[in-house]
Amino acid sequence: MLPNECYLPTKPHRSPQWLSNVHEIENCVLCGAWGIQAAHSNQHRGRGQKASDALTAALCPACHAEIDNGRSLTREERRVRMNEAIVLTLDQLARRGLVKAVK
């Protein structure tokens, strides 16, 4: 059992609006290249099953491929890069007013 597996919902959260907001970010949060994909985290999910939409990063196709399948990075390095990209995506969404704290 993974350390935080007991906190994972049985079904991933889906939000078309969240993905639409991520697509409003035009440049890759890691390298700055124009044109992004909403890349889902691969952690804690089986093959072919995507993580919750909130765990997406605004990545260019090259960075997305490198994190998903890159041979120059270890599995741990890919996870660190994806986590960094998710945090940077959340920062961009907040700065654009697309994610807000509510009471």
N, C-alpha and C. Protein backbone atom coordinates (compact mmCIF):
# COMPACT_ATOMS: atom_id res chain seq x y z
N MET A 1 0.84 -1.19 0.00
CA MET A 1 0.00 0.00 0.00
C MET A 1 0.89 1.25 0.00
N LEU A 2 0.55 2.20 -0.82
CA LEU A 2 1.29 3.46 -0.87
C LEU A 2 1.00 4.28 0.38
N PRO A 3 1.93 5.15 0.79
CA PRO A 3 1.74 5.91 2.03
C PRO A 3 0.43 6.70 2.07
N ASN A 4 0.00 7.28 0.96
CA ASN A 4 -1.22 8.10 0.99
C ASN A 4 -2.36 7.45 0.22
N GLU A 5 -2.27 6.15 -0.03
CA GLU A 5 -3.28 5.46 -0.82
C GLU A 5 -4.66 5.52 -0.17
N CYS A 6 -4.72 5.52 1.15
CA CYS A 6 -6.01 5.53 1.84
C CYS A 6 -6.76 6.84 1.58
N TYR A 7 -6.08 7.89 1.13
CA TYR A 7 -6.73 9.17 0.87
C TYR A 7 -7.20 9.32 -0.57
N LEU A 8 -6.82 8.37 -1.42
CA LEU A 8 -7.19 8.48 -2.82
C LEU A 8 -8.66 8.11 -3.01
N PRO A 9 -9.41 8.93 -3.77
CA PRO A 9 -10.80 8.57 -4.05
C PRO A 9 -10.84 7.35 -4.96
N THR A 10 -11.97 6.68 -4.97
CA THR A 10 -12.09 5.50 -5.81
C THR A 10 -12.10 5.87 -7.29
N LYS A 11 -12.67 7.01 -7.62
CA LYS A 11 -12.69 7.47 -8.99
C LYS A 11 -11.98 8.81 -9.09
N PRO A 12 -11.21 9.03 -10.14
CA PRO A 12 -10.54 10.32 -10.30
C PRO A 12 -11.56 11.44 -10.52
N HIS A 13 -11.27 12.61 -10.00
CA HIS A 13 -12.11 13.79 -10.19
C HIS A 13 -12.01 14.27 -11.63
N ARG A 14 -13.13 14.50 -12.27
CA ARG A 14 -13.15 15.00 -13.65
C ARG A 14 -13.78 16.39 -13.67
N SER A 15 -13.14 17.31 -14.38
CA SER A 15 -13.65 18.66 -14.50
C SER A 15 -13.25 19.25 -15.84
N PRO A 16 -14.18 19.27 -16.80
CA PRO A 16 -13.87 19.89 -18.09
C PRO A 16 -13.47 21.36 -17.94
N GLN A 17 -14.04 22.06 -16.96
CA GLN A 17 -13.70 23.46 -16.75
C GLN A 17 -12.25 23.60 -16.30
N TRP A 18 -11.80 22.70 -15.42
CA TRP A 18 -10.40 22.75 -14.97
C TRP A 18 -9.47 22.59 -16.16
N LEU A 19 -9.74 21.59 -17.00
CA LEU A 19 -8.90 21.36 -18.17
C LEU A 19 -8.94 22.55 -19.12
N SER A 20 -10.10 23.17 -19.27
CA SER A 20 -10.22 24.37 -20.11
C SER A 20 -9.35 25.49 -19.55
N ASN A 21 -9.36 25.65 -18.23
CA ASN A 21 -8.53 26.67 -17.60
C ASN A 21 -7.04 26.39 -17.82
N VAL A 22 -6.65 25.14 -17.71
CA VAL A 22 -5.23 24.79 -17.95
C VAL A 22 -4.86 25.14 -19.39
N HIS A 23 -5.77 24.90 -20.32
CA HIS A 23 -5.48 25.20 -21.73
C HIS A 23 -5.39 26.70 -22.02
N GLU A 24 -5.80 27.54 -21.08
CA GLU A 24 -5.63 28.98 -21.25
C GLU A 24 -4.17 29.41 -21.07
N ILE A 25 -3.37 28.54 -20.49
CA ILE A 25 -1.93 28.80 -20.36
C ILE A 25 -1.31 28.45 -21.71
N GLU A 26 -0.73 29.43 -22.37
CA GLU A 26 -0.24 29.22 -23.74
C GLU A 26 1.14 28.59 -23.80
N ASN A 27 1.95 28.82 -22.76
CA ASN A 27 3.34 28.37 -22.79
C ASN A 27 3.61 27.30 -21.75
N CYS A 28 4.49 26.38 -22.10
CA CYS A 28 4.89 25.30 -21.20
C CYS A 28 5.45 25.89 -19.91
N VAL A 29 4.99 25.37 -18.78
CA VAL A 29 5.45 25.90 -17.49
C VAL A 29 6.88 25.48 -17.18
N LEU A 30 7.41 24.51 -17.91
CA LEU A 30 8.79 24.07 -17.66
C LEU A 30 9.80 24.73 -18.59
N CYS A 31 9.51 24.78 -19.90
CA CYS A 31 10.53 25.29 -20.84
C CYS A 31 10.11 26.57 -21.55
N GLY A 32 8.84 26.96 -21.43
CA GLY A 32 8.37 28.19 -22.05
C GLY A 32 7.95 28.07 -23.50
N ALA A 33 8.03 26.87 -24.08
CA ALA A 33 7.63 26.68 -25.48
C ALA A 33 6.14 26.96 -25.65
N TRP A 34 5.78 27.50 -26.81
CA TRP A 34 4.38 27.79 -27.09
C TRP A 34 3.64 26.51 -27.46
N GLY A 35 2.39 26.43 -27.03
CA GLY A 35 1.53 25.30 -27.34
C GLY A 35 1.62 24.22 -26.28
N ILE A 36 0.54 24.06 -25.54
CA ILE A 36 0.60 23.13 -24.41
C ILE A 36 -0.44 22.02 -24.53
N GLN A 37 -0.23 20.99 -23.74
CA GLN A 37 -1.18 19.92 -23.52
C GLN A 37 -1.44 19.87 -22.02
N ALA A 38 -2.66 19.52 -21.63
CA ALA A 38 -2.95 19.32 -20.21
C ALA A 38 -2.50 17.91 -19.87
N ALA A 39 -1.32 17.79 -19.29
CA ALA A 39 -0.69 16.49 -19.01
C ALA A 39 -1.07 16.02 -17.61
N HIS A 40 -1.69 14.86 -17.52
CA HIS A 40 -2.08 14.28 -16.24
C HIS A 40 -0.89 13.60 -15.57
N SER A 41 -0.88 13.68 -14.24
CA SER A 41 0.11 12.95 -13.46
C SER A 41 -0.11 11.44 -13.67
N ASN A 42 0.97 10.68 -13.62
CA ASN A 42 0.87 9.23 -13.76
C ASN A 42 0.95 8.50 -12.42
N GLN A 43 1.17 9.24 -11.35
CA GLN A 43 1.33 8.62 -10.05
C GLN A 43 0.01 8.08 -9.52
N HIS A 44 0.07 6.96 -8.82
CA HIS A 44 -1.06 6.37 -8.10
C HIS A 44 -2.19 5.93 -9.02
N ARG A 45 -1.90 5.67 -10.27
CA ARG A 45 -2.93 5.21 -11.20
C ARG A 45 -2.39 4.02 -11.98
N GLY A 46 -3.28 3.15 -12.39
CA GLY A 46 -2.88 2.00 -13.20
C GLY A 46 -2.69 2.41 -14.65
N ARG A 47 -2.19 1.50 -15.43
CA ARG A 47 -1.98 1.76 -16.86
C ARG A 47 -3.30 2.13 -17.53
N GLY A 48 -3.24 3.18 -18.31
CA GLY A 48 -4.42 3.61 -19.04
C GLY A 48 -5.43 4.39 -18.22
N GLN A 49 -5.18 4.57 -16.94
CA GLN A 49 -6.10 5.31 -16.09
C GLN A 49 -5.45 6.63 -15.69
N LYS A 50 -6.09 7.73 -16.02
CA LYS A 50 -5.53 9.04 -15.74
C LYS A 50 -5.84 9.47 -14.30
N ALA A 51 -4.98 10.30 -13.76
CA ALA A 51 -5.20 10.87 -12.44
C ALA A 51 -6.31 11.92 -12.52
N SER A 52 -6.69 12.46 -11.41
CA SER A 52 -7.70 13.52 -11.37
C SER A 52 -7.28 14.70 -12.23
N ASP A 53 -8.27 15.37 -12.80
CA ASP A 53 -7.98 16.51 -13.68
C ASP A 53 -7.23 17.62 -12.95
N ALA A 54 -7.42 17.74 -11.63
CA ALA A 54 -6.70 18.77 -10.88
C ALA A 54 -5.20 18.50 -10.82
N LEU A 55 -4.79 17.29 -11.15
CA LEU A 55 -3.37 16.94 -11.15
C LEU A 55 -2.83 16.96 -12.57
N THR A 56 -3.02 18.09 -13.22
CA THR A 56 -2.54 18.28 -14.59
C THR A 56 -1.54 19.41 -14.64
N ALA A 57 -0.69 19.36 -15.66
CA ALA A 57 0.30 20.41 -15.86
C ALA A 57 0.22 20.90 -17.29
N ALA A 58 0.48 22.19 -17.49
CA ALA A 58 0.51 22.79 -18.82
C ALA A 58 1.89 22.54 -19.41
N LEU A 59 2.01 21.49 -20.23
CA LEU A 59 3.30 21.10 -20.79
C LEU A 59 3.26 21.10 -22.31
N CYS A 60 4.39 21.46 -22.92
CA CYS A 60 4.53 21.33 -24.37
C CYS A 60 4.64 19.84 -24.69
N PRO A 61 4.39 19.43 -25.93
CA PRO A 61 4.50 18.01 -26.27
C PRO A 61 5.86 17.39 -25.95
N ALA A 62 6.95 18.14 -26.12
CA ALA A 62 8.28 17.59 -25.85
C ALA A 62 8.48 17.32 -24.35
N CYS A 63 8.11 18.26 -23.50
CA CYS A 63 8.24 18.05 -22.06
C CYS A 63 7.31 16.94 -21.58
N HIS A 64 6.09 16.90 -22.13
CA HIS A 64 5.12 15.86 -21.78
C HIS A 64 5.69 14.48 -22.12
N ALA A 65 6.24 14.34 -23.31
CA ALA A 65 6.82 13.06 -23.73
C ALA A 65 8.02 12.68 -22.86
N GLU A 66 8.85 13.66 -22.53
CA GLU A 66 10.03 13.39 -21.71
C GLU A 66 9.63 12.90 -20.32
N ILE A 67 8.59 13.50 -19.74
CA ILE A 67 8.14 13.09 -18.41
C ILE A 67 7.45 11.73 -18.48
N ASP A 68 6.65 11.48 -19.50
CA ASP A 68 5.94 10.20 -19.61
C ASP A 68 6.85 9.05 -20.01
N ASN A 69 7.75 9.28 -20.97
CA ASN A 69 8.50 8.18 -21.56
C ASN A 69 10.00 8.41 -21.66
N GLY A 70 10.47 9.55 -21.18
CA GLY A 70 11.86 9.91 -21.38
C GLY A 70 12.85 8.90 -20.83
N ARG A 71 13.85 8.62 -21.60
CA ARG A 71 14.86 7.64 -21.21
C ARG A 71 16.05 8.31 -20.52
N SER A 72 16.13 9.64 -20.62
CA SER A 72 17.26 10.34 -20.01
C SER A 72 17.01 10.66 -18.53
N LEU A 73 15.78 10.42 -18.05
CA LEU A 73 15.45 10.68 -16.65
C LEU A 73 15.05 9.38 -15.96
N THR A 74 15.38 9.27 -14.69
CA THR A 74 14.91 8.12 -13.92
C THR A 74 13.43 8.31 -13.60
N ARG A 75 12.81 7.27 -13.13
CA ARG A 75 11.40 7.35 -12.75
C ARG A 75 11.20 8.44 -11.69
N GLU A 76 12.09 8.46 -10.71
CA GLU A 76 11.99 9.47 -9.64
C GLU A 76 12.18 10.88 -10.20
N GLU A 77 13.12 11.08 -11.10
CA GLU A 77 13.33 12.39 -11.71
C GLU A 77 12.11 12.83 -12.52
N ARG A 78 11.47 11.88 -13.21
CA ARG A 78 10.25 12.22 -13.96
C ARG A 78 9.13 12.65 -13.02
N ARG A 79 9.02 11.96 -11.89
CA ARG A 79 7.99 12.33 -10.91
C ARG A 79 8.24 13.71 -10.32
N VAL A 80 9.49 13.99 -10.02
CA VAL A 80 9.85 15.31 -9.48
C VAL A 80 9.51 16.40 -10.50
N ARG A 81 9.86 16.18 -11.77
CA ARG A 81 9.57 17.17 -12.82
C ARG A 81 8.06 17.38 -12.97
N MET A 82 7.28 16.29 -12.92
CA MET A 82 5.84 16.42 -13.06
C MET A 82 5.25 17.16 -11.87
N ASN A 83 5.71 16.84 -10.68
CA ASN A 83 5.22 17.55 -9.49
C ASN A 83 5.54 19.04 -9.58
N GLU A 84 6.74 19.36 -10.03
CA GLU A 84 7.13 20.76 -10.22
C GLU A 84 6.21 21.43 -11.24
N ALA A 85 5.93 20.74 -12.33
CA ALA A 85 5.08 21.29 -13.38
C ALA A 85 3.64 21.51 -12.89
N ILE A 86 3.13 20.61 -12.06
CA ILE A 86 1.78 20.77 -11.51
C ILE A 86 1.74 22.01 -10.61
N VAL A 87 2.75 22.18 -9.77
CA VAL A 87 2.80 23.35 -8.88
C VAL A 87 2.88 24.64 -9.71
N LEU A 88 3.72 24.66 -10.73
CA LEU A 88 3.84 25.85 -11.58
C LEU A 88 2.54 26.13 -12.34
N THR A 89 1.83 25.08 -12.72
CA THR A 89 0.54 25.26 -13.39
C THR A 89 -0.47 25.86 -12.42
N LEU A 90 -0.52 25.35 -11.19
CA LEU A 90 -1.42 25.92 -10.18
C LEU A 90 -1.10 27.39 -9.94
N ASP A 91 0.18 27.73 -9.90
CA ASP A 91 0.59 29.12 -9.72
C ASP A 91 0.06 29.99 -10.87
N GLN A 92 0.21 29.51 -12.09
CA GLN A 92 -0.28 30.26 -13.25
C GLN A 92 -1.81 30.42 -13.22
N LEU A 93 -2.51 29.36 -12.85
CA LEU A 93 -3.97 29.43 -12.76
C LEU A 93 -4.40 30.45 -11.71
N ALA A 94 -3.73 30.45 -10.57
CA ALA A 94 -4.07 31.40 -9.51
C ALA A 94 -3.77 32.84 -9.94
N ARG A 95 -2.63 33.06 -10.58
CA ARG A 95 -2.27 34.41 -11.03
C ARG A 95 -3.25 34.95 -12.06
N ARG A 96 -3.87 34.06 -12.83
CA ARG A 96 -4.84 34.47 -13.85
C ARG A 96 -6.26 34.56 -13.30
N GLY A 97 -6.42 34.27 -12.03
CA GLY A 97 -7.75 34.31 -11.42
C GLY A 97 -8.62 33.12 -11.80
N LEU A 98 -8.01 32.05 -12.26
CA LEU A 98 -8.77 30.87 -12.70
C LEU A 98 -8.94 29.85 -11.59
N VAL A 99 -8.21 30.05 -10.48
CA VAL A 99 -8.37 29.24 -9.27
C VAL A 99 -8.43 30.22 -8.11
N LYS A 100 -9.44 30.07 -7.28
CA LYS A 100 -9.63 31.00 -6.17
C LYS A 100 -9.96 30.25 -4.89
N ALA A 101 -9.57 30.82 -3.78
CA ALA A 101 -9.97 30.30 -2.48
C ALA A 101 -11.36 30.87 -2.15
N VAL A 102 -12.22 30.04 -1.65
CA VAL A 102 -13.57 30.49 -1.29
C VAL A 102 -13.86 30.10 0.15
N LYS A 103 -14.78 30.84 0.74
CA LYS A 103 -15.20 30.53 2.13
C LYS A 103 -16.25 29.47 2.11
